[in-house]
Amino acid sequence: MSGTSWRARAGAPPNKGAKYPPEVLAPDEVAAIIGQCSPKAPTGIRNRAMLMLLYRSGLRVSEVLALRAADINLSEHTVRVLHGKGDKATTRGFHPSATDTLARWMDTRRDLGVRHGPLFCTLAGGPVHPQYVRNLLHRLGARAGVDKRVHPHGLRHTFAWELERAGTPVTTISALLGHSGTATTARYLAHLTNRQAVTALAAADLPKVGL
């Protein structure tokens, strides 16, 4: 990770006039980003849970922000998404590693006196907007020294990439992401930046050449 971010080098907003493919994050980069959130302040506890869920479920940011507390089943590690893409209701999963941060936010939310409304809410119970999450990730990425574009869809791609690296079948990854078919999932997994391709090549166990 470099101390000089891509933002400082680019000068202009990166998405202005162009659409960039998401960059996959390494586990230590994700940990550094989420670690910038306070473990004690209510907003930090909320943001840790929100980002962990994005990272460990592959949910879209719109799906995460539409969740209610009743939609989360901590013991079964499932999420009920009532309005997914195409306005379809689906049950999706999240990795058990997100459970503790979710439980802590749910307890904190209850202690704040919030009983209704979205799960990820302001301290007064109001909605959190997608642009807040995008700005939050940009800010945390810069503070963590991550020299990549950091945004919600990048966490979704990172989730898919880590599952693929772990040997998860593409049909399973497709179901977890809420895709209608594996063709879209294949496009997610086909994306490699040059840096990631070089890293993968260096780690590949190729046959030895007897010269």
N, C-alpha and C. Protein backbone atom coordinates (compact mmCIF):
# COMPACT_ATOMS: atom_id res chain seq x y z
N MET A 1 0.85 -1.19 0.00
CA MET A 1 0.00 0.00 0.00
C MET A 1 0.88 1.24 0.00
N SER A 2 0.49 2.22 -0.73
CA SER A 2 1.30 3.42 -0.87
C SER A 2 0.70 4.56 -0.08
N GLY A 3 1.57 5.43 0.42
CA GLY A 3 1.08 6.58 1.18
C GLY A 3 0.44 7.62 0.30
N THR A 4 0.76 7.62 -1.01
CA THR A 4 0.16 8.57 -1.94
C THR A 4 -0.98 7.89 -2.65
N SER A 5 -2.19 8.34 -2.43
CA SER A 5 -3.35 7.66 -2.98
C SER A 5 -3.57 8.05 -4.43
N TRP A 6 -4.40 7.23 -5.12
CA TRP A 6 -4.76 7.53 -6.50
C TRP A 6 -5.52 8.84 -6.58
N ARG A 7 -6.22 9.25 -5.49
CA ARG A 7 -6.98 10.50 -5.51
C ARG A 7 -6.05 11.70 -5.69
N ALA A 8 -4.91 11.65 -4.97
CA ALA A 8 -3.99 12.77 -5.03
C ALA A 8 -3.36 12.86 -6.41
N ARG A 9 -3.10 11.71 -7.03
CA ARG A 9 -2.47 11.72 -8.35
C ARG A 9 -3.45 12.13 -9.44
N ALA A 10 -4.73 11.71 -9.29
CA ALA A 10 -5.69 11.93 -10.36
C ALA A 10 -6.15 13.37 -10.45
N GLY A 11 -6.30 14.03 -9.33
CA GLY A 11 -6.73 15.42 -9.34
C GLY A 11 -8.24 15.55 -9.44
N ALA A 12 -8.86 14.98 -10.48
CA ALA A 12 -10.30 15.08 -10.69
C ALA A 12 -10.98 13.85 -10.12
N PRO A 13 -12.29 13.93 -9.82
CA PRO A 13 -13.02 12.76 -9.36
C PRO A 13 -12.87 11.61 -10.35
N PRO A 14 -12.58 10.39 -9.88
CA PRO A 14 -12.26 9.29 -10.79
C PRO A 14 -13.42 8.84 -11.66
N ASN A 15 -14.65 9.02 -11.21
CA ASN A 15 -15.79 8.55 -11.99
C ASN A 15 -16.32 9.58 -12.98
N LYS A 16 -15.72 10.77 -13.01
CA LYS A 16 -16.25 11.83 -13.87
C LYS A 16 -16.02 11.49 -15.33
N GLY A 17 -17.13 11.24 -16.05
CA GLY A 17 -17.05 10.99 -17.47
C GLY A 17 -16.61 9.60 -17.85
N ALA A 18 -16.41 8.71 -16.90
CA ALA A 18 -15.95 7.37 -17.23
C ALA A 18 -16.44 6.39 -16.18
N LYS A 19 -16.57 5.12 -16.61
CA LYS A 19 -16.96 4.06 -15.69
C LYS A 19 -15.78 3.12 -15.52
N TYR A 20 -15.35 2.94 -14.28
CA TYR A 20 -14.17 2.14 -13.99
C TYR A 20 -14.59 0.79 -13.41
N PRO A 21 -13.90 -0.30 -13.80
CA PRO A 21 -14.22 -1.59 -13.19
C PRO A 21 -13.78 -1.63 -11.73
N PRO A 22 -14.51 -2.35 -10.89
CA PRO A 22 -14.15 -2.42 -9.48
C PRO A 22 -12.78 -3.08 -9.29
N GLU A 23 -12.07 -2.69 -8.26
CA GLU A 23 -10.81 -3.31 -7.91
C GLU A 23 -11.01 -4.21 -6.71
N VAL A 24 -10.48 -5.42 -6.82
CA VAL A 24 -10.55 -6.37 -5.71
C VAL A 24 -9.56 -5.96 -4.63
N LEU A 25 -9.99 -6.04 -3.38
CA LEU A 25 -9.15 -5.68 -2.25
C LEU A 25 -8.55 -6.92 -1.61
N ALA A 26 -7.34 -6.80 -1.10
CA ALA A 26 -6.71 -7.87 -0.35
C ALA A 26 -7.27 -7.88 1.07
N PRO A 27 -7.24 -9.03 1.76
CA PRO A 27 -7.79 -9.10 3.12
C PRO A 27 -7.19 -8.06 4.06
N ASP A 28 -5.88 -7.81 3.96
CA ASP A 28 -5.27 -6.83 4.87
C ASP A 28 -5.74 -5.42 4.55
N GLU A 29 -6.08 -5.17 3.29
CA GLU A 29 -6.60 -3.85 2.92
C GLU A 29 -8.01 -3.65 3.49
N VAL A 30 -8.83 -4.69 3.40
CA VAL A 30 -10.18 -4.61 3.97
C VAL A 30 -10.09 -4.41 5.48
N ALA A 31 -9.21 -5.17 6.13
CA ALA A 31 -9.04 -5.04 7.58
C ALA A 31 -8.59 -3.64 7.96
N ALA A 32 -7.68 -3.05 7.17
CA ALA A 32 -7.19 -1.70 7.46
C ALA A 32 -8.30 -0.67 7.29
N ILE A 33 -9.15 -0.87 6.29
CA ILE A 33 -10.25 0.06 6.05
C ILE A 33 -11.28 0.00 7.18
N ILE A 34 -11.75 -1.21 7.49
CA ILE A 34 -12.76 -1.35 8.54
C ILE A 34 -12.18 -0.97 9.90
N GLY A 35 -10.89 -1.20 10.06
CA GLY A 35 -10.23 -0.85 11.32
C GLY A 35 -10.17 0.63 11.60
N GLN A 36 -10.44 1.46 10.58
CA GLN A 36 -10.49 2.91 10.79
C GLN A 36 -11.76 3.34 11.53
N CYS A 37 -12.77 2.47 11.56
CA CYS A 37 -14.02 2.79 12.26
C CYS A 37 -13.83 2.61 13.76
N SER A 38 -14.33 3.54 14.53
CA SER A 38 -14.21 3.45 15.98
C SER A 38 -14.88 2.19 16.51
N PRO A 39 -14.21 1.45 17.41
CA PRO A 39 -14.83 0.27 18.03
C PRO A 39 -15.73 0.63 19.21
N LYS A 40 -15.80 1.91 19.57
CA LYS A 40 -16.55 2.33 20.76
C LYS A 40 -17.70 3.28 20.45
N ALA A 41 -17.49 4.24 19.55
CA ALA A 41 -18.54 5.21 19.23
C ALA A 41 -19.68 4.51 18.49
N PRO A 42 -20.93 4.87 18.77
CA PRO A 42 -22.06 4.21 18.10
C PRO A 42 -21.99 4.24 16.58
N THR A 43 -21.56 5.39 16.00
CA THR A 43 -21.46 5.43 14.54
C THR A 43 -20.37 4.50 14.04
N GLY A 44 -19.29 4.37 14.79
CA GLY A 44 -18.22 3.46 14.40
C GLY A 44 -18.66 2.01 14.48
N ILE A 45 -19.41 1.67 15.52
CA ILE A 45 -19.94 0.31 15.67
C ILE A 45 -20.89 0.01 14.52
N ARG A 46 -21.74 0.98 14.18
CA ARG A 46 -22.65 0.81 13.04
C ARG A 46 -21.88 0.62 11.75
N ASN A 47 -20.89 1.48 11.50
CA ASN A 47 -20.15 1.41 10.24
C ASN A 47 -19.34 0.13 10.12
N ARG A 48 -18.77 -0.34 11.22
CA ARG A 48 -18.06 -1.63 11.19
C ARG A 48 -19.01 -2.75 10.76
N ALA A 49 -20.20 -2.79 11.36
CA ALA A 49 -21.16 -3.83 11.04
C ALA A 49 -21.63 -3.73 9.59
N MET A 50 -21.89 -2.52 9.15
CA MET A 50 -22.38 -2.29 7.79
C MET A 50 -21.34 -2.72 6.75
N LEU A 51 -20.08 -2.35 6.97
CA LEU A 51 -19.02 -2.69 6.02
C LEU A 51 -18.69 -4.17 6.06
N MET A 52 -18.72 -4.76 7.27
CA MET A 52 -18.48 -6.20 7.37
C MET A 52 -19.57 -6.98 6.63
N LEU A 53 -20.81 -6.52 6.73
CA LEU A 53 -21.90 -7.21 6.03
C LEU A 53 -21.72 -7.07 4.52
N LEU A 54 -21.38 -5.89 4.06
CA LEU A 54 -21.12 -5.72 2.63
C LEU A 54 -20.01 -6.66 2.15
N TYR A 55 -18.96 -6.74 2.95
CA TYR A 55 -17.78 -7.53 2.58
C TYR A 55 -18.03 -9.03 2.67
N ARG A 56 -18.80 -9.47 3.66
CA ARG A 56 -18.97 -10.89 3.90
C ARG A 56 -20.30 -11.47 3.42
N SER A 57 -21.06 -10.67 2.67
CA SER A 57 -22.31 -11.18 2.11
C SER A 57 -22.40 -10.94 0.61
N GLY A 58 -21.67 -9.94 0.10
CA GLY A 58 -21.79 -9.60 -1.31
C GLY A 58 -23.08 -8.88 -1.65
N LEU A 59 -23.81 -8.43 -0.63
CA LEU A 59 -25.04 -7.68 -0.89
C LEU A 59 -24.72 -6.34 -1.54
N ARG A 60 -25.64 -5.86 -2.35
CA ARG A 60 -25.52 -4.52 -2.91
C ARG A 60 -25.77 -3.50 -1.80
N VAL A 61 -25.19 -2.31 -1.93
CA VAL A 61 -25.36 -1.31 -0.88
C VAL A 61 -26.82 -0.95 -0.70
N SER A 62 -27.59 -0.93 -1.79
CA SER A 62 -29.02 -0.62 -1.68
C SER A 62 -29.75 -1.70 -0.89
N GLU A 63 -29.33 -2.96 -1.04
CA GLU A 63 -29.96 -4.06 -0.31
C GLU A 63 -29.63 -3.98 1.18
N VAL A 64 -28.39 -3.67 1.50
CA VAL A 64 -27.98 -3.55 2.91
C VAL A 64 -28.74 -2.43 3.60
N LEU A 65 -28.86 -1.30 2.93
CA LEU A 65 -29.50 -0.15 3.56
C LEU A 65 -31.02 -0.29 3.67
N ALA A 66 -31.60 -1.23 2.94
CA ALA A 66 -33.04 -1.46 3.02
C ALA A 66 -33.40 -2.49 4.10
N LEU A 67 -32.40 -3.13 4.71
CA LEU A 67 -32.67 -4.17 5.69
C LEU A 67 -33.31 -3.61 6.96
N ARG A 68 -34.15 -4.42 7.57
CA ARG A 68 -34.69 -4.16 8.90
C ARG A 68 -34.06 -5.17 9.85
N ALA A 69 -34.11 -4.88 11.13
CA ALA A 69 -33.52 -5.79 12.11
C ALA A 69 -34.12 -7.19 12.00
N ALA A 70 -35.42 -7.27 11.71
CA ALA A 70 -36.10 -8.56 11.61
C ALA A 70 -35.64 -9.37 10.40
N ASP A 71 -34.95 -8.73 9.46
CA ASP A 71 -34.49 -9.43 8.25
C ASP A 71 -33.20 -10.22 8.49
N ILE A 72 -32.55 -10.00 9.65
CA ILE A 72 -31.28 -10.65 9.95
C ILE A 72 -31.51 -11.83 10.89
N ASN A 73 -30.99 -13.00 10.51
CA ASN A 73 -31.01 -14.16 11.39
C ASN A 73 -29.57 -14.49 11.74
N LEU A 74 -29.15 -14.09 12.95
CA LEU A 74 -27.75 -14.26 13.34
C LEU A 74 -27.36 -15.72 13.52
N SER A 75 -28.28 -16.54 14.00
CA SER A 75 -27.94 -17.94 14.26
C SER A 75 -27.80 -18.74 12.97
N GLU A 76 -28.59 -18.39 11.95
CA GLU A 76 -28.53 -19.11 10.68
C GLU A 76 -27.66 -18.40 9.64
N HIS A 77 -27.20 -17.19 9.99
CA HIS A 77 -26.35 -16.39 9.10
C HIS A 77 -27.05 -16.13 7.76
N THR A 78 -28.29 -15.70 7.86
CA THR A 78 -29.06 -15.38 6.66
C THR A 78 -29.64 -13.97 6.74
N VAL A 79 -29.94 -13.46 5.56
CA VAL A 79 -30.52 -12.12 5.41
C VAL A 79 -31.72 -12.25 4.48
N ARG A 80 -32.82 -11.67 4.86
CA ARG A 80 -34.00 -11.65 3.99
C ARG A 80 -34.00 -10.33 3.23
N VAL A 81 -33.75 -10.41 1.94
CA VAL A 81 -33.73 -9.23 1.08
C VAL A 81 -35.09 -9.13 0.40
N LEU A 82 -35.86 -8.14 0.81
CA LEU A 82 -37.23 -8.02 0.30
C LEU A 82 -37.29 -7.36 -1.07
N HIS A 83 -36.33 -6.51 -1.36
CA HIS A 83 -36.36 -5.78 -2.63
C HIS A 83 -34.98 -5.82 -3.27
N GLY A 84 -34.61 -7.00 -3.76
CA GLY A 84 -33.35 -7.15 -4.48
C GLY A 84 -33.48 -6.64 -5.90
N LYS A 85 -32.47 -6.94 -6.72
CA LYS A 85 -32.51 -6.49 -8.11
C LYS A 85 -33.72 -7.13 -8.80
N GLY A 86 -34.46 -6.32 -9.55
CA GLY A 86 -35.68 -6.81 -10.16
C GLY A 86 -36.83 -6.87 -9.17
N ASP A 87 -36.63 -6.26 -7.98
CA ASP A 87 -37.64 -6.21 -6.92
C ASP A 87 -38.06 -7.60 -6.46
N LYS A 88 -37.09 -8.54 -6.46
CA LYS A 88 -37.38 -9.90 -6.02
C LYS A 88 -36.99 -10.08 -4.56
N ALA A 89 -37.83 -10.81 -3.83
CA ALA A 89 -37.51 -11.14 -2.44
C ALA A 89 -36.70 -12.43 -2.42
N THR A 90 -35.56 -12.41 -1.75
CA THR A 90 -34.70 -13.58 -1.68
C THR A 90 -34.11 -13.71 -0.28
N THR A 91 -33.71 -14.92 0.06
CA THR A 91 -32.94 -15.16 1.27
C THR A 91 -31.49 -15.37 0.86
N ARG A 92 -30.60 -14.58 1.43
CA ARG A 92 -29.18 -14.65 1.10
C ARG A 92 -28.40 -14.96 2.37
N GLY A 93 -27.15 -15.30 2.22
CA GLY A 93 -26.34 -15.65 3.36
C GLY A 93 -25.24 -14.65 3.63
N PHE A 94 -24.69 -14.69 4.85
CA PHE A 94 -23.47 -13.94 5.13
C PHE A 94 -22.53 -14.86 5.90
N HIS A 95 -21.24 -14.62 5.75
CA HIS A 95 -20.25 -15.47 6.41
C HIS A 95 -20.32 -15.25 7.92
N PRO A 96 -20.14 -16.33 8.72
CA PRO A 96 -20.22 -16.19 10.18
C PRO A 96 -19.27 -15.15 10.77
N SER A 97 -18.20 -14.81 10.05
CA SER A 97 -17.24 -13.82 10.57
C SER A 97 -17.85 -12.44 10.74
N ALA A 98 -19.02 -12.20 10.15
CA ALA A 98 -19.69 -10.90 10.30
C ALA A 98 -20.65 -10.88 11.48
N THR A 99 -20.86 -12.00 12.13
CA THR A 99 -21.90 -12.12 13.15
C THR A 99 -21.66 -11.20 14.35
N ASP A 100 -20.44 -11.19 14.88
CA ASP A 100 -20.17 -10.42 16.09
C ASP A 100 -20.39 -8.92 15.89
N THR A 101 -19.91 -8.39 14.76
CA THR A 101 -20.09 -6.95 14.53
C THR A 101 -21.56 -6.61 14.33
N LEU A 102 -22.31 -7.50 13.68
CA LEU A 102 -23.75 -7.27 13.50
C LEU A 102 -24.47 -7.30 14.84
N ALA A 103 -24.15 -8.29 15.67
CA ALA A 103 -24.80 -8.40 16.97
C ALA A 103 -24.51 -7.18 17.84
N ARG A 104 -23.29 -6.69 17.77
CA ARG A 104 -22.93 -5.53 18.59
C ARG A 104 -23.71 -4.29 18.14
N TRP A 105 -23.84 -4.09 16.83
CA TRP A 105 -24.61 -2.95 16.35
C TRP A 105 -26.09 -3.09 16.73
N MET A 106 -26.62 -4.29 16.62
CA MET A 106 -28.04 -4.49 16.97
C MET A 106 -28.27 -4.19 18.45
N ASP A 107 -27.33 -4.57 19.30
CA ASP A 107 -27.43 -4.24 20.73
C ASP A 107 -27.31 -2.73 20.95
N THR A 108 -26.37 -2.10 20.25
CA THR A 108 -26.16 -0.65 20.39
C THR A 108 -27.39 0.11 19.91
N ARG A 109 -27.93 -0.33 18.80
CA ARG A 109 -29.13 0.30 18.23
C ARG A 109 -30.29 0.23 19.23
N ARG A 110 -30.43 -0.93 19.86
CA ARG A 110 -31.49 -1.11 20.87
C ARG A 110 -31.26 -0.19 22.06
N ASP A 111 -30.00 -0.08 22.49
CA ASP A 111 -29.67 0.80 23.62
C ASP A 111 -29.94 2.27 23.30
N LEU A 112 -29.86 2.63 22.02
CA LEU A 112 -30.15 4.00 21.60
C LEU A 112 -31.66 4.27 21.58
N GLY A 113 -32.45 3.23 21.78
CA GLY A 113 -33.90 3.40 21.78
C GLY A 113 -34.53 3.29 20.41
N VAL A 114 -33.77 2.80 19.42
CA VAL A 114 -34.30 2.66 18.06
C VAL A 114 -34.97 1.30 17.94
N ARG A 115 -36.23 1.28 17.66
CA ARG A 115 -36.98 0.02 17.58
C ARG A 115 -37.50 -0.26 16.17
N HIS A 116 -37.62 0.77 15.37
CA HIS A 116 -38.21 0.60 14.04
C HIS A 116 -37.29 1.22 12.99
N GLY A 117 -37.72 1.12 11.74
CA GLY A 117 -36.94 1.71 10.67
C GLY A 117 -35.82 0.80 10.20
N PRO A 118 -34.93 1.33 9.36
CA PRO A 118 -33.86 0.50 8.79
C PRO A 118 -32.87 0.03 9.84
N LEU A 119 -32.27 -1.13 9.60
CA LEU A 119 -31.27 -1.66 10.52
C LEU A 119 -30.09 -0.70 10.65
N PHE A 120 -29.56 -0.28 9.52
CA PHE A 120 -28.44 0.67 9.52
C PHE A 120 -28.99 2.07 9.39
N CYS A 121 -29.06 2.74 10.52
CA CYS A 121 -29.75 4.02 10.59
C CYS A 121 -28.86 5.06 11.27
N THR A 122 -29.30 6.30 11.23
CA THR A 122 -28.64 7.34 12.01
C THR A 122 -28.91 7.09 13.48
N LEU A 123 -28.24 7.82 14.35
CA LEU A 123 -28.44 7.62 15.79
C LEU A 123 -29.85 8.01 16.22
N ALA A 124 -30.54 8.79 15.38
CA ALA A 124 -31.93 9.16 15.66
C ALA A 124 -32.92 8.20 15.00
N GLY A 125 -32.41 7.20 14.27
CA GLY A 125 -33.29 6.22 13.63
C GLY A 125 -33.61 6.50 12.18
N GLY A 126 -33.04 7.55 11.61
CA GLY A 126 -33.31 7.88 10.21
C GLY A 126 -32.50 7.03 9.25
N PRO A 127 -32.81 7.12 7.96
CA PRO A 127 -32.11 6.30 6.97
C PRO A 127 -30.67 6.76 6.72
N VAL A 128 -29.83 5.82 6.37
CA VAL A 128 -28.48 6.11 5.89
C VAL A 128 -28.53 5.99 4.37
N HIS A 129 -27.96 6.96 3.67
CA HIS A 129 -28.07 6.99 2.21
C HIS A 129 -26.84 6.36 1.55
N PRO A 130 -27.02 5.77 0.36
CA PRO A 130 -25.91 5.13 -0.33
C PRO A 130 -24.70 6.04 -0.52
N GLN A 131 -24.93 7.33 -0.79
CA GLN A 131 -23.79 8.23 -0.99
C GLN A 131 -22.96 8.37 0.28
N TYR A 132 -23.61 8.28 1.43
CA TYR A 132 -22.87 8.32 2.69
C TYR A 132 -21.88 7.15 2.75
N VAL A 133 -22.35 5.96 2.36
CA VAL A 133 -21.49 4.77 2.40
C VAL A 133 -20.34 4.91 1.40
N ARG A 134 -20.63 5.43 0.22
CA ARG A 134 -19.57 5.62 -0.78
C ARG A 134 -18.52 6.60 -0.26
N ASN A 135 -18.99 7.73 0.28
CA ASN A 135 -18.05 8.72 0.81
C ASN A 135 -17.27 8.16 2.00
N LEU A 136 -17.95 7.37 2.83
CA LEU A 136 -17.29 6.76 3.98
C LEU A 136 -16.15 5.86 3.53
N LEU A 137 -16.39 5.01 2.54
CA LEU A 137 -15.36 4.10 2.07
C LEU A 137 -14.20 4.85 1.42
N HIS A 138 -14.49 5.89 0.66
CA HIS A 138 -13.42 6.70 0.08
C HIS A 138 -12.54 7.29 1.19
N ARG A 139 -13.20 7.81 2.22
CA ARG A 139 -12.47 8.45 3.31
C ARG A 139 -11.65 7.43 4.11
N LEU A 140 -12.26 6.30 4.42
CA LEU A 140 -11.55 5.28 5.18
C LEU A 140 -10.39 4.69 4.39
N GLY A 141 -10.60 4.50 3.08
CA GLY A 141 -9.53 3.98 2.24
C GLY A 141 -8.33 4.90 2.21
N ALA A 142 -8.59 6.21 2.14
CA ALA A 142 -7.50 7.18 2.14
C ALA A 142 -6.77 7.16 3.48
N ARG A 143 -7.52 7.11 4.58
CA ARG A 143 -6.89 7.09 5.90
C ARG A 143 -6.10 5.81 6.13
N ALA A 144 -6.55 4.71 5.54
CA ALA A 144 -5.86 3.43 5.70
C ALA A 144 -4.66 3.29 4.76
N GLY A 145 -4.51 4.25 3.84
CA GLY A 145 -3.40 4.19 2.90
C GLY A 145 -3.58 3.17 1.80
N VAL A 146 -4.82 2.83 1.48
CA VAL A 146 -5.09 1.85 0.42
C VAL A 146 -5.06 2.55 -0.93
N ASP A 147 -4.15 2.14 -1.77
CA ASP A 147 -3.94 2.81 -3.05
C ASP A 147 -4.81 2.19 -4.15
N LYS A 148 -6.08 2.07 -3.87
CA LYS A 148 -7.06 1.56 -4.83
C LYS A 148 -8.34 2.37 -4.66
N ARG A 149 -9.22 2.27 -5.66
CA ARG A 149 -10.54 2.88 -5.51
C ARG A 149 -11.35 1.98 -4.56
N VAL A 150 -11.83 2.55 -3.49
CA VAL A 150 -12.55 1.78 -2.47
C VAL A 150 -14.00 2.23 -2.48
N HIS A 151 -14.90 1.31 -2.80
CA HIS A 151 -16.32 1.66 -2.85
C HIS A 151 -17.15 0.39 -2.63
N PRO A 152 -18.46 0.51 -2.39
CA PRO A 152 -19.27 -0.66 -2.03
C PRO A 152 -19.22 -1.80 -3.04
N HIS A 153 -19.27 -1.48 -4.34
CA HIS A 153 -19.30 -2.56 -5.33
C HIS A 153 -17.96 -3.30 -5.38
N GLY A 154 -16.89 -2.61 -4.99
CA GLY A 154 -15.61 -3.28 -4.90
C GLY A 154 -15.61 -4.34 -3.82
N LEU A 155 -16.32 -4.10 -2.70
CA LEU A 155 -16.43 -5.11 -1.65
C LEU A 155 -17.23 -6.31 -2.16
N ARG A 156 -18.23 -6.06 -2.98
CA ARG A 156 -19.02 -7.15 -3.57
C ARG A 156 -18.15 -8.02 -4.48
N HIS A 157 -17.33 -7.37 -5.29
CA HIS A 157 -16.42 -8.12 -6.16
C HIS A 157 -15.37 -8.88 -5.34
N THR A 158 -14.91 -8.25 -4.26
CA THR A 158 -13.93 -8.91 -3.40
C THR A 158 -14.52 -10.17 -2.78
N PHE A 159 -15.76 -10.10 -2.35
CA PHE A 159 -16.47 -11.26 -1.80
C PHE A 159 -16.50 -12.40 -2.82
N ALA A 160 -16.87 -12.07 -4.05
CA ALA A 160 -16.95 -13.10 -5.11
C ALA A 160 -15.57 -13.67 -5.41
N TRP A 161 -14.57 -12.80 -5.47
CA TRP A 161 -13.21 -13.24 -5.79
C TRP A 161 -12.67 -14.16 -4.70
N GLU A 162 -12.91 -13.83 -3.44
CA GLU A 162 -12.42 -14.67 -2.35
C GLU A 162 -13.10 -16.03 -2.35
N LEU A 163 -14.39 -16.07 -2.66
CA LEU A 163 -15.10 -17.34 -2.75
C LEU A 163 -14.53 -18.19 -3.88
N GLU A 164 -14.26 -17.56 -5.01
CA GLU A 164 -13.71 -18.30 -6.14
C GLU A 164 -12.33 -18.86 -5.80
N ARG A 165 -11.52 -18.05 -5.12
CA ARG A 165 -10.19 -18.50 -4.71
C ARG A 165 -10.26 -19.65 -3.72
N ALA A 166 -11.36 -19.71 -2.94
CA ALA A 166 -11.55 -20.78 -1.96
C ALA A 166 -12.13 -22.04 -2.59
N GLY A 167 -12.37 -22.02 -3.90
CA GLY A 167 -12.88 -23.20 -4.61
C GLY A 167 -14.38 -23.33 -4.63
N THR A 168 -15.10 -22.26 -4.33
CA THR A 168 -16.57 -22.30 -4.34
C THR A 168 -17.08 -22.36 -5.78
N PRO A 169 -18.00 -23.29 -6.10
CA PRO A 169 -18.53 -23.38 -7.47
C PRO A 169 -19.19 -22.07 -7.90
N VAL A 170 -19.10 -21.77 -9.17
CA VAL A 170 -19.65 -20.52 -9.69
C VAL A 170 -21.16 -20.45 -9.50
N THR A 171 -21.84 -21.62 -9.53
CA THR A 171 -23.29 -21.61 -9.32
C THR A 171 -23.64 -21.17 -7.90
N THR A 172 -22.81 -21.57 -6.93
CA THR A 172 -23.03 -21.15 -5.55
C THR A 172 -22.76 -19.66 -5.38
N ILE A 173 -21.67 -19.19 -5.97
CA ILE A 173 -21.34 -17.76 -5.90
C ILE A 173 -22.46 -16.94 -6.52
N SER A 174 -23.00 -17.42 -7.63
CA SER A 174 -24.09 -16.72 -8.32
C SER A 174 -25.31 -16.58 -7.40
N ALA A 175 -25.66 -17.67 -6.69
CA ALA A 175 -26.81 -17.63 -5.78
C ALA A 175 -26.55 -16.68 -4.62
N LEU A 176 -25.33 -16.69 -4.09
CA LEU A 176 -25.00 -15.81 -2.97
C LEU A 176 -25.06 -14.34 -3.36
N LEU A 177 -24.68 -14.04 -4.59
CA LEU A 177 -24.69 -12.66 -5.07
C LEU A 177 -26.08 -12.20 -5.51
N GLY A 178 -27.00 -13.14 -5.65
CA GLY A 178 -28.34 -12.77 -6.10
C GLY A 178 -28.41 -12.53 -7.59
N HIS A 179 -27.50 -13.16 -8.35
CA HIS A 179 -27.54 -13.04 -9.81
C HIS A 179 -28.61 -13.96 -10.38
N SER A 180 -29.17 -13.56 -11.52
CA SER A 180 -30.19 -14.38 -12.16
C SER A 180 -29.58 -15.55 -12.92
N GLY A 181 -28.29 -15.49 -13.21
CA GLY A 181 -27.62 -16.56 -13.92
C GLY A 181 -26.12 -16.46 -13.72
N THR A 182 -25.40 -17.50 -14.15
CA THR A 182 -23.96 -17.54 -13.91
C THR A 182 -23.16 -16.68 -14.88
N ALA A 183 -23.78 -16.23 -15.97
CA ALA A 183 -23.04 -15.41 -16.94
C ALA A 183 -22.57 -14.11 -16.30
N THR A 184 -23.44 -13.47 -15.52
CA THR A 184 -23.05 -12.23 -14.84
C THR A 184 -21.95 -12.51 -13.82
N THR A 185 -22.08 -13.62 -13.10
CA THR A 185 -21.07 -13.99 -12.11
C THR A 185 -19.73 -14.22 -12.77
N ALA A 186 -19.74 -14.88 -13.93
CA ALA A 186 -18.50 -15.15 -14.65
C ALA A 186 -17.79 -13.85 -15.01
N ARG A 187 -18.56 -12.80 -15.33
CA ARG A 187 -17.94 -11.51 -15.64
C ARG A 187 -17.28 -10.92 -14.40
N TYR A 188 -17.90 -11.12 -13.24
CA TYR A 188 -17.28 -10.68 -11.99
C TYR A 188 -15.93 -11.34 -11.79
N LEU A 189 -15.90 -12.65 -12.02
CA LEU A 189 -14.70 -13.42 -11.71
C LEU A 189 -13.64 -13.30 -12.79
N ALA A 190 -14.05 -12.88 -13.99
CA ALA A 190 -13.09 -12.75 -15.08
C ALA A 190 -12.24 -11.50 -14.94
N HIS A 191 -12.70 -10.56 -14.13
CA HIS A 191 -11.99 -9.28 -14.03
C HIS A 191 -10.73 -9.42 -13.18
N LEU A 192 -9.59 -9.14 -13.79
CA LEU A 192 -8.32 -9.10 -13.08
C LEU A 192 -7.57 -7.85 -13.50
N THR A 193 -7.13 -7.07 -12.54
CA THR A 193 -6.26 -5.95 -12.89
C THR A 193 -4.89 -6.51 -13.22
N ASN A 194 -4.06 -5.71 -13.88
CA ASN A 194 -2.71 -6.16 -14.20
C ASN A 194 -1.94 -6.55 -12.94
N ARG A 195 -2.10 -5.76 -11.88
CA ARG A 195 -1.40 -6.03 -10.64
C ARG A 195 -1.80 -7.38 -10.07
N GLN A 196 -3.12 -7.69 -10.11
CA GLN A 196 -3.59 -8.97 -9.59
C GLN A 196 -3.12 -10.12 -10.47
N ALA A 197 -3.07 -9.90 -11.79
CA ALA A 197 -2.61 -10.94 -12.69
C ALA A 197 -1.14 -11.27 -12.44
N VAL A 198 -0.33 -10.25 -12.23
CA VAL A 198 1.09 -10.47 -11.96
C VAL A 198 1.27 -11.21 -10.64
N THR A 199 0.48 -10.84 -9.63
CA THR A 199 0.55 -11.51 -8.34
C THR A 199 0.16 -12.98 -8.47
N ALA A 200 -0.89 -13.25 -9.23
CA ALA A 200 -1.33 -14.63 -9.44
C ALA A 200 -0.27 -15.43 -10.19
N LEU A 201 0.37 -14.82 -11.17
CA LEU A 201 1.42 -15.50 -11.92
C LEU A 201 2.60 -15.86 -11.03
N ALA A 202 2.99 -14.92 -10.16
CA ALA A 202 4.13 -15.17 -9.27
C ALA A 202 3.85 -16.31 -8.31
N ALA A 203 2.58 -16.52 -7.96
CA ALA A 203 2.23 -17.57 -7.01
C ALA A 203 1.92 -18.90 -7.67
N ALA A 204 1.85 -18.91 -9.00
CA ALA A 204 1.48 -20.14 -9.73
C ALA A 204 2.60 -21.18 -9.65
N ASP A 205 2.21 -22.43 -9.47
CA ASP A 205 3.16 -23.54 -9.40
C ASP A 205 3.31 -24.15 -10.78
N LEU A 206 4.16 -23.55 -11.61
CA LEU A 206 4.35 -23.98 -12.98
C LEU A 206 5.42 -25.09 -13.05
N PRO A 207 5.37 -25.93 -14.09
CA PRO A 207 6.39 -26.99 -14.24
C PRO A 207 7.79 -26.41 -14.34
N LYS A 208 8.75 -27.08 -13.75
CA LYS A 208 10.14 -26.63 -13.81
C LYS A 208 10.73 -26.95 -15.17
N VAL A 209 11.58 -26.06 -15.63
CA VAL A 209 12.25 -26.22 -16.91
C VAL A 209 13.70 -26.62 -16.65
N GLY A 210 14.12 -27.77 -17.15
CA GLY A 210 15.47 -28.25 -16.87
C GLY A 210 16.48 -27.66 -17.84
N LEU A 211 16.99 -26.48 -17.53
CA LEU A 211 18.02 -25.83 -18.37
C LEU A 211 19.35 -25.87 -17.66
